[in-house]
Amino acid sequence: MMILVRLRDGSFTKIPAPLLGQLLKTKEVTHFRRSEGWVKADSLDLRARGTALGRAHDRRSRLP
């Protein structure tokens, strides 16, 4: 699965989902797109609430 992200330099690109966590840790990604809309990376404490990708996976696993 590819995720649309905004990079630190202001450009937009799609990245493989497994790469998102690494790019968030290195602060290369400033925003990323979820189905609900854009998420500002520095406004989240992803580790405290569980990973965003983990929650998305759980949600998809409930689909028929």
N, C-alpha and C. Protein backbone atom coordinates (compact mmCIF):
# COMPACT_ATOMS: atom_id res chain seq x y z
N MET A 1 0.85 -1.17 0.00
CA MET A 1 0.00 0.00 0.00
C MET A 1 0.89 1.24 0.00
N MET A 2 0.55 2.19 -0.82
CA MET A 2 1.32 3.43 -0.92
C MET A 2 0.58 4.53 -0.15
N ILE A 3 1.35 5.39 0.50
CA ILE A 3 0.79 6.48 1.30
C ILE A 3 1.31 7.80 0.74
N LEU A 4 0.41 8.75 0.55
CA LEU A 4 0.79 10.07 0.09
C LEU A 4 1.33 10.86 1.27
N VAL A 5 2.53 11.44 1.11
CA VAL A 5 3.16 12.19 2.19
C VAL A 5 3.67 13.53 1.68
N ARG A 6 3.81 14.46 2.62
CA ARG A 6 4.48 15.73 2.32
C ARG A 6 5.82 15.68 3.03
N LEU A 7 6.86 15.91 2.28
CA LEU A 7 8.21 15.84 2.83
C LEU A 7 8.63 17.18 3.43
N ARG A 8 9.71 17.14 4.18
CA ARG A 8 10.23 18.33 4.86
C ARG A 8 10.50 19.48 3.89
N ASP A 9 10.88 19.18 2.66
CA ASP A 9 11.18 20.23 1.67
C ASP A 9 9.92 20.78 1.00
N GLY A 10 8.73 20.26 1.40
CA GLY A 10 7.47 20.75 0.85
C GLY A 10 6.94 19.96 -0.33
N SER A 11 7.71 19.04 -0.83
CA SER A 11 7.26 18.24 -1.97
C SER A 11 6.36 17.10 -1.50
N PHE A 12 5.58 16.56 -2.42
CA PHE A 12 4.68 15.45 -2.14
C PHE A 12 5.15 14.23 -2.92
N THR A 13 4.98 13.06 -2.31
CA THR A 13 5.33 11.81 -2.96
C THR A 13 4.56 10.67 -2.31
N LYS A 14 4.52 9.55 -2.98
CA LYS A 14 3.92 8.35 -2.40
C LYS A 14 5.04 7.43 -1.96
N ILE A 15 4.86 6.85 -0.77
CA ILE A 15 5.87 5.94 -0.23
C ILE A 15 5.20 4.63 0.18
N PRO A 16 5.95 3.54 0.23
CA PRO A 16 5.39 2.28 0.73
C PRO A 16 5.05 2.43 2.23
N ALA A 17 3.93 1.90 2.64
CA ALA A 17 3.47 2.01 4.03
C ALA A 17 4.53 1.61 5.05
N PRO A 18 5.28 0.52 4.84
CA PRO A 18 6.27 0.15 5.85
C PRO A 18 7.37 1.19 6.08
N LEU A 19 7.57 2.10 5.13
CA LEU A 19 8.60 3.12 5.24
C LEU A 19 8.13 4.33 6.06
N LEU A 20 6.84 4.49 6.26
CA LEU A 20 6.31 5.68 6.93
C LEU A 20 6.88 5.86 8.34
N GLY A 21 6.90 4.83 9.14
CA GLY A 21 7.40 4.94 10.50
C GLY A 21 8.83 5.45 10.56
N GLN A 22 9.67 4.93 9.70
CA GLN A 22 11.07 5.35 9.66
C GLN A 22 11.19 6.83 9.28
N LEU A 23 10.42 7.25 8.27
CA LEU A 23 10.49 8.64 7.83
C LEU A 23 9.89 9.60 8.86
N LEU A 24 8.92 9.14 9.63
CA LEU A 24 8.38 9.96 10.71
C LEU A 24 9.43 10.14 11.82
N LYS A 25 10.13 9.07 12.15
CA LYS A 25 11.17 9.14 13.19
C LYS A 25 12.29 10.10 12.80
N THR A 26 12.65 10.12 11.54
CA THR A 26 13.74 10.99 11.08
C THR A 26 13.23 12.38 10.70
N LYS A 27 11.94 12.61 10.86
CA LYS A 27 11.29 13.90 10.58
C LYS A 27 11.40 14.32 9.12
N GLU A 28 11.55 13.35 8.23
CA GLU A 28 11.54 13.63 6.79
C GLU A 28 10.12 13.91 6.30
N VAL A 29 9.12 13.31 6.95
CA VAL A 29 7.72 13.50 6.58
C VAL A 29 7.09 14.47 7.57
N THR A 30 6.44 15.52 7.04
CA THR A 30 5.77 16.48 7.91
C THR A 30 4.26 16.23 7.99
N HIS A 31 3.68 15.65 6.94
CA HIS A 31 2.26 15.34 6.88
C HIS A 31 2.08 14.03 6.12
N PHE A 32 1.02 13.32 6.44
CA PHE A 32 0.68 12.14 5.65
C PHE A 32 -0.83 12.03 5.55
N ARG A 33 -1.27 11.37 4.49
CA ARG A 33 -2.69 11.30 4.17
C ARG A 33 -3.30 10.02 4.71
N ARG A 34 -4.39 10.17 5.47
CA ARG A 34 -5.22 9.05 5.90
C ARG A 34 -6.55 9.17 5.19
N SER A 35 -7.36 8.16 5.31
CA SER A 35 -8.68 8.22 4.66
C SER A 35 -9.51 9.38 5.21
N GLU A 36 -9.26 9.76 6.47
CA GLU A 36 -10.01 10.86 7.10
C GLU A 36 -9.48 12.23 6.70
N GLY A 37 -8.29 12.28 6.11
CA GLY A 37 -7.69 13.55 5.73
C GLY A 37 -6.21 13.59 6.07
N TRP A 38 -5.64 14.80 6.01
CA TRP A 38 -4.21 14.97 6.27
C TRP A 38 -3.93 14.98 7.76
N VAL A 39 -2.81 14.39 8.13
CA VAL A 39 -2.36 14.35 9.52
C VAL A 39 -1.01 15.07 9.59
N LYS A 40 -0.90 16.00 10.53
CA LYS A 40 0.36 16.70 10.76
C LYS A 40 1.21 15.83 11.67
N ALA A 41 2.35 15.40 11.19
CA ALA A 41 3.16 14.40 11.88
C ALA A 41 3.61 14.87 13.26
N ASP A 42 3.98 16.12 13.41
CA ASP A 42 4.48 16.56 14.71
C ASP A 42 3.38 16.81 15.74
N SER A 43 2.13 16.68 15.34
CA SER A 43 1.03 16.86 16.29
C SER A 43 0.61 15.53 16.91
N LEU A 44 1.24 14.44 16.51
CA LEU A 44 0.88 13.12 17.01
C LEU A 44 1.96 12.55 17.91
N ASP A 45 1.54 11.81 18.89
CA ASP A 45 2.45 10.97 19.65
C ASP A 45 2.05 9.54 19.30
N LEU A 46 2.54 9.06 18.16
CA LEU A 46 2.10 7.78 17.62
C LEU A 46 2.41 6.63 18.56
N ARG A 47 3.51 6.68 19.25
CA ARG A 47 3.88 5.58 20.14
C ARG A 47 2.97 5.52 21.36
N ALA A 48 2.56 6.65 21.87
CA ALA A 48 1.71 6.66 23.07
C ALA A 48 0.32 6.11 22.78
N ARG A 49 -0.15 6.30 21.57
CA ARG A 49 -1.50 5.84 21.22
C ARG A 49 -1.49 4.58 20.37
N GLY A 50 -0.35 3.98 20.18
CA GLY A 50 -0.26 2.86 19.25
C GLY A 50 0.04 3.42 17.88
N THR A 51 0.55 2.62 17.00
CA THR A 51 0.90 3.15 15.68
C THR A 51 -0.34 3.35 14.84
N ALA A 52 -0.30 4.38 14.07
CA ALA A 52 -1.41 4.66 13.16
C ALA A 52 -1.60 3.51 12.19
N LEU A 53 -0.50 2.96 11.73
CA LEU A 53 -0.60 1.87 10.77
C LEU A 53 -1.18 0.63 11.43
N GLY A 54 -0.86 0.39 12.67
CA GLY A 54 -1.42 -0.75 13.38
C GLY A 54 -2.93 -0.64 13.51
N ARG A 55 -3.40 0.54 13.83
CA ARG A 55 -4.85 0.74 13.93
C ARG A 55 -5.52 0.57 12.57
N ALA A 56 -4.88 1.07 11.52
CA ALA A 56 -5.46 0.93 10.18
C ALA A 56 -5.55 -0.54 9.80
N HIS A 57 -4.52 -1.30 10.12
CA HIS A 57 -4.53 -2.72 9.82
C HIS A 57 -5.68 -3.40 10.57
N ASP A 58 -5.87 -3.08 11.83
CA ASP A 58 -6.96 -3.68 12.61
C ASP A 58 -8.31 -3.36 11.97
N ARG A 59 -8.47 -2.13 11.51
CA ARG A 59 -9.73 -1.72 10.91
C ARG A 59 -9.98 -2.51 9.63
N ARG A 60 -8.95 -2.68 8.82
CA ARG A 60 -9.11 -3.42 7.56
C ARG A 60 -9.39 -4.89 7.82
N SER A 61 -8.81 -5.43 8.89
CA SER A 61 -8.98 -6.86 9.13
C SER A 61 -10.43 -7.21 9.48
N ARG A 62 -11.24 -6.23 9.84
CA ARG A 62 -12.64 -6.50 10.17
C ARG A 62 -13.56 -6.47 8.95
N LEU A 63 -13.03 -6.11 7.81
CA LEU A 63 -13.87 -6.07 6.62
C LEU A 63 -14.23 -7.49 6.20
N PRO A 64 -15.43 -7.66 5.65
CA PRO A 64 -15.84 -9.01 5.24
C PRO A 64 -15.00 -9.55 4.10
